[in-house]
């Protein structure tokens, strides 16, 4: 039986993102358990600041004026992101399963680590100016509660958070 790496993602992993994740353990036969939160309740101020810092003026404006996804929309988006991520991992020859989880992914992450006997967690997100700075991001919060190594990768880059 292969060791398991739990991967918590904010958006679908691209082929390049999968390459970065797999490069962490290039010569090992590992299984991957992917979790994608159906995100509907990000705090307004950090979300707007993140969008502005990444050049997303329109996105920031839409969010600030109350254009949040409904729960069904968020779940549908998360399911699409999960399917694309699983497809990319499987295309790279890896065993991968996954699930859409609640807004706050920490309880599901804790359960997945325990259920799978995971040896490591990889959190893949976009940079979040406020949350990353004040260590309130998913990776920092996971490090506080899990008894396994937690690595934070930024989507679309090879940078570590």
Protein backbone atom coordinates (compact mmCIF):
# COMPACT_ATOMS: atom_id res chain seq x y z
CA UNK A 1 0.00 0.00 0.00
CA UNK A 2 1.29 3.44 -0.97
CA UNK A 3 1.85 6.21 1.53
CA UNK A 4 -0.65 9.06 1.23
CA UNK A 5 -0.14 12.76 0.78
CA UNK A 6 -3.19 14.93 1.49
CA UNK A 7 -3.43 17.90 -0.85
CA UNK A 8 -5.66 20.84 0.10
CA UNK A 9 -6.25 23.11 -2.90
CA UNK A 10 -7.88 26.49 -3.35
CA UNK A 11 -8.25 26.03 -7.11
CA UNK A 12 -7.64 23.26 -9.61
CA UNK A 13 -4.02 22.19 -9.96
CA UNK A 14 -2.60 22.81 -13.41
CA UNK A 15 -0.17 20.39 -15.04
CA UNK A 16 2.68 22.63 -13.84
CA UNK A 17 1.29 22.67 -10.28
CA UNK A 18 1.10 18.86 -10.34
CA UNK A 19 4.71 18.74 -11.51
CA UNK A 20 5.71 20.88 -8.51
CA UNK A 21 3.74 18.70 -6.08
CA UNK A 22 5.18 15.48 -7.51
CA UNK A 23 8.70 16.89 -7.46
CA UNK A 24 8.53 16.86 -3.67
CA UNK A 25 8.83 13.03 -3.75
CA UNK A 26 10.03 12.17 -7.25
CA UNK A 27 10.97 8.51 -6.78
CA UNK A 28 8.20 7.34 -4.47
CA UNK A 29 4.97 5.47 -5.09
CA UNK A 30 2.47 7.73 -3.30
CA UNK A 31 -1.29 8.10 -3.29
CA UNK A 32 -2.86 11.55 -3.21
CA UNK A 33 -6.05 12.55 -1.38
CA UNK A 34 -7.29 15.92 -2.66
CA UNK A 35 -9.59 18.22 -0.68
CA UNK A 36 -11.30 21.24 -2.26
CA UNK A 37 -13.35 23.57 -0.04
CA UNK A 38 -16.65 24.94 -1.37
CA UNK A 39 -15.59 28.45 -0.39
CA UNK A 40 -18.46 30.87 0.21
CA UNK A 41 -17.44 32.77 3.33
CA UNK A 42 -14.00 34.36 3.03
CA UNK A 43 -13.68 37.46 5.20
CA UNK A 44 -14.34 40.57 3.12
CA UNK A 45 -11.32 42.76 3.93
CA UNK A 46 -8.59 40.13 3.41
CA UNK A 47 -10.29 38.92 0.23
CA UNK A 48 -10.52 42.42 -1.26
CA UNK A 49 -6.90 43.20 -0.32
CA UNK A 50 -5.75 39.90 -1.88
CA UNK A 51 -7.63 40.65 -5.09
CA UNK A 52 -6.20 44.16 -5.28
CA UNK A 53 -2.65 42.96 -4.58
CA UNK A 54 -2.97 40.49 -7.46
CA UNK A 55 -4.35 43.14 -9.84
CA UNK A 56 -7.95 41.97 -9.63
CA UNK A 57 -9.76 45.31 -9.34
CA UNK A 58 -12.98 43.98 -10.88
CA UNK A 59 -12.95 40.89 -8.67
CA UNK A 60 -12.35 43.04 -5.60
CA UNK A 61 -15.21 45.37 -6.56
CA UNK A 62 -17.63 42.50 -7.19
CA UNK A 63 -16.81 40.91 -3.84
CA UNK A 64 -16.99 44.21 -1.97
CA UNK A 65 -20.45 44.87 -3.44
CA UNK A 66 -21.81 41.54 -2.24
CA UNK A 67 -21.40 39.25 -5.26
CA UNK A 68 -20.51 36.10 -3.34
CA UNK A 69 -21.24 32.67 -4.76
CA UNK A 70 -24.26 30.85 -3.40
CA UNK A 71 -23.65 27.52 -1.66
CA UNK A 72 -24.73 25.52 -4.76
CA UNK A 73 -22.49 27.66 -7.00
CA UNK A 74 -19.52 27.25 -4.66
CA UNK A 75 -20.05 23.48 -4.48
CA UNK A 76 -20.33 23.18 -8.29
CA UNK A 77 -17.12 25.20 -8.73
CA UNK A 78 -15.31 23.08 -6.13
CA UNK A 79 -16.46 19.87 -7.84
CA UNK A 80 -15.07 21.12 -11.17
CA UNK A 81 -11.77 22.07 -9.50
CA UNK A 82 -11.58 18.65 -7.85
CA UNK A 83 -12.25 16.82 -11.12
CA UNK A 84 -9.59 18.83 -13.00
CA UNK A 85 -7.05 18.23 -10.22
CA UNK A 86 -7.73 14.48 -10.09
CA UNK A 87 -7.45 14.31 -13.89
CA UNK A 88 -4.06 16.06 -13.81
CA UNK A 89 -2.71 13.80 -11.04
CA UNK A 90 -3.96 10.66 -12.77
CA UNK A 91 -2.53 11.86 -16.11
CA UNK A 92 0.82 12.08 -14.30
CA UNK A 93 0.45 8.41 -13.34
CA UNK A 94 -0.53 8.91 -9.71
CA UNK A 95 -3.31 7.35 -7.66
CA UNK A 96 -5.64 10.15 -6.63
CA UNK A 97 -8.99 10.44 -4.88
CA UNK A 98 -10.71 13.45 -3.46
CA UNK A 99 -13.67 15.23 -1.96
CA UNK A 100 -15.34 18.61 -1.79
CA UNK A 101 -15.34 19.83 1.81
CA UNK A 102 -16.90 22.65 3.83
CA UNK A 103 -15.78 26.29 3.81
CA UNK A 104 -13.41 25.76 6.72
CA UNK A 105 -11.29 22.87 5.47
CA UNK A 106 -9.41 22.22 8.74
CA UNK A 107 -11.85 19.65 10.22
CA UNK A 108 -11.90 17.71 6.95
CA UNK A 109 -8.13 18.01 6.65
CA UNK A 110 -7.65 16.68 10.18
CA UNK A 111 -10.01 13.75 9.42
CA UNK A 112 -8.30 12.96 6.10
CA UNK A 113 -4.86 12.88 7.72
CA UNK A 114 -6.15 10.51 10.42
CA UNK A 115 -8.23 8.31 8.09
CA UNK A 116 -5.57 7.99 5.41
CA UNK A 117 -2.65 7.76 7.81
CA UNK A 118 -1.16 10.56 5.73
CA UNK A 119 2.50 11.30 6.20
CA UNK A 120 2.36 14.85 4.83
CA UNK A 121 0.02 17.64 3.80
CA UNK A 122 0.50 19.94 0.81
CA UNK A 123 -1.57 23.13 0.79
CA UNK A 124 -1.76 24.79 -2.63
CA UNK A 125 -3.24 28.31 -2.68
CA UNK A 126 -2.81 31.67 -4.28
CA UNK A 127 -0.87 34.18 -2.20
CA UNK A 128 -3.07 35.89 0.41
CA UNK A 129 -1.47 39.08 1.63
CA UNK A 130 -3.26 39.45 4.97
CA UNK A 131 -3.73 35.78 5.88
CA UNK A 132 -0.18 34.76 4.94
CA UNK A 133 1.36 37.70 6.77
CA UNK A 134 -0.52 37.02 9.98
CA UNK A 135 -0.26 33.21 9.67
CA UNK A 136 -4.03 32.70 9.43
CA UNK A 137 -3.76 30.93 6.09
CA UNK A 138 -4.75 27.26 5.75
CA UNK A 139 -1.16 26.00 5.88
CA UNK A 140 -0.30 27.90 9.06
CA UNK A 141 -3.52 26.80 10.73
CA UNK A 142 -2.87 23.18 9.68
CA UNK A 143 0.64 23.30 11.12
CA UNK A 144 -0.88 24.34 14.45
CA UNK A 145 -3.16 21.28 14.70
CA UNK A 146 -1.65 18.43 12.67
CA UNK A 147 1.14 16.11 13.68
CA UNK A 148 2.54 15.79 10.14
CA UNK A 149 4.66 18.10 8.00
CA UNK A 150 2.66 20.77 6.13
CA UNK A 151 4.09 22.40 3.00
CA UNK A 152 2.53 25.50 1.41
CA UNK A 153 2.86 25.92 -2.36
CA UNK A 154 1.60 28.90 -4.31
CA UNK A 155 -0.53 27.99 -7.33
CA UNK A 156 0.92 28.86 -10.71
CA UNK A 157 4.48 29.16 -9.34
CA UNK A 158 7.19 27.02 -7.82
CA UNK A 159 7.27 29.32 -4.77
CA UNK A 160 6.77 28.06 -1.25
CA UNK A 161 4.59 29.97 1.22
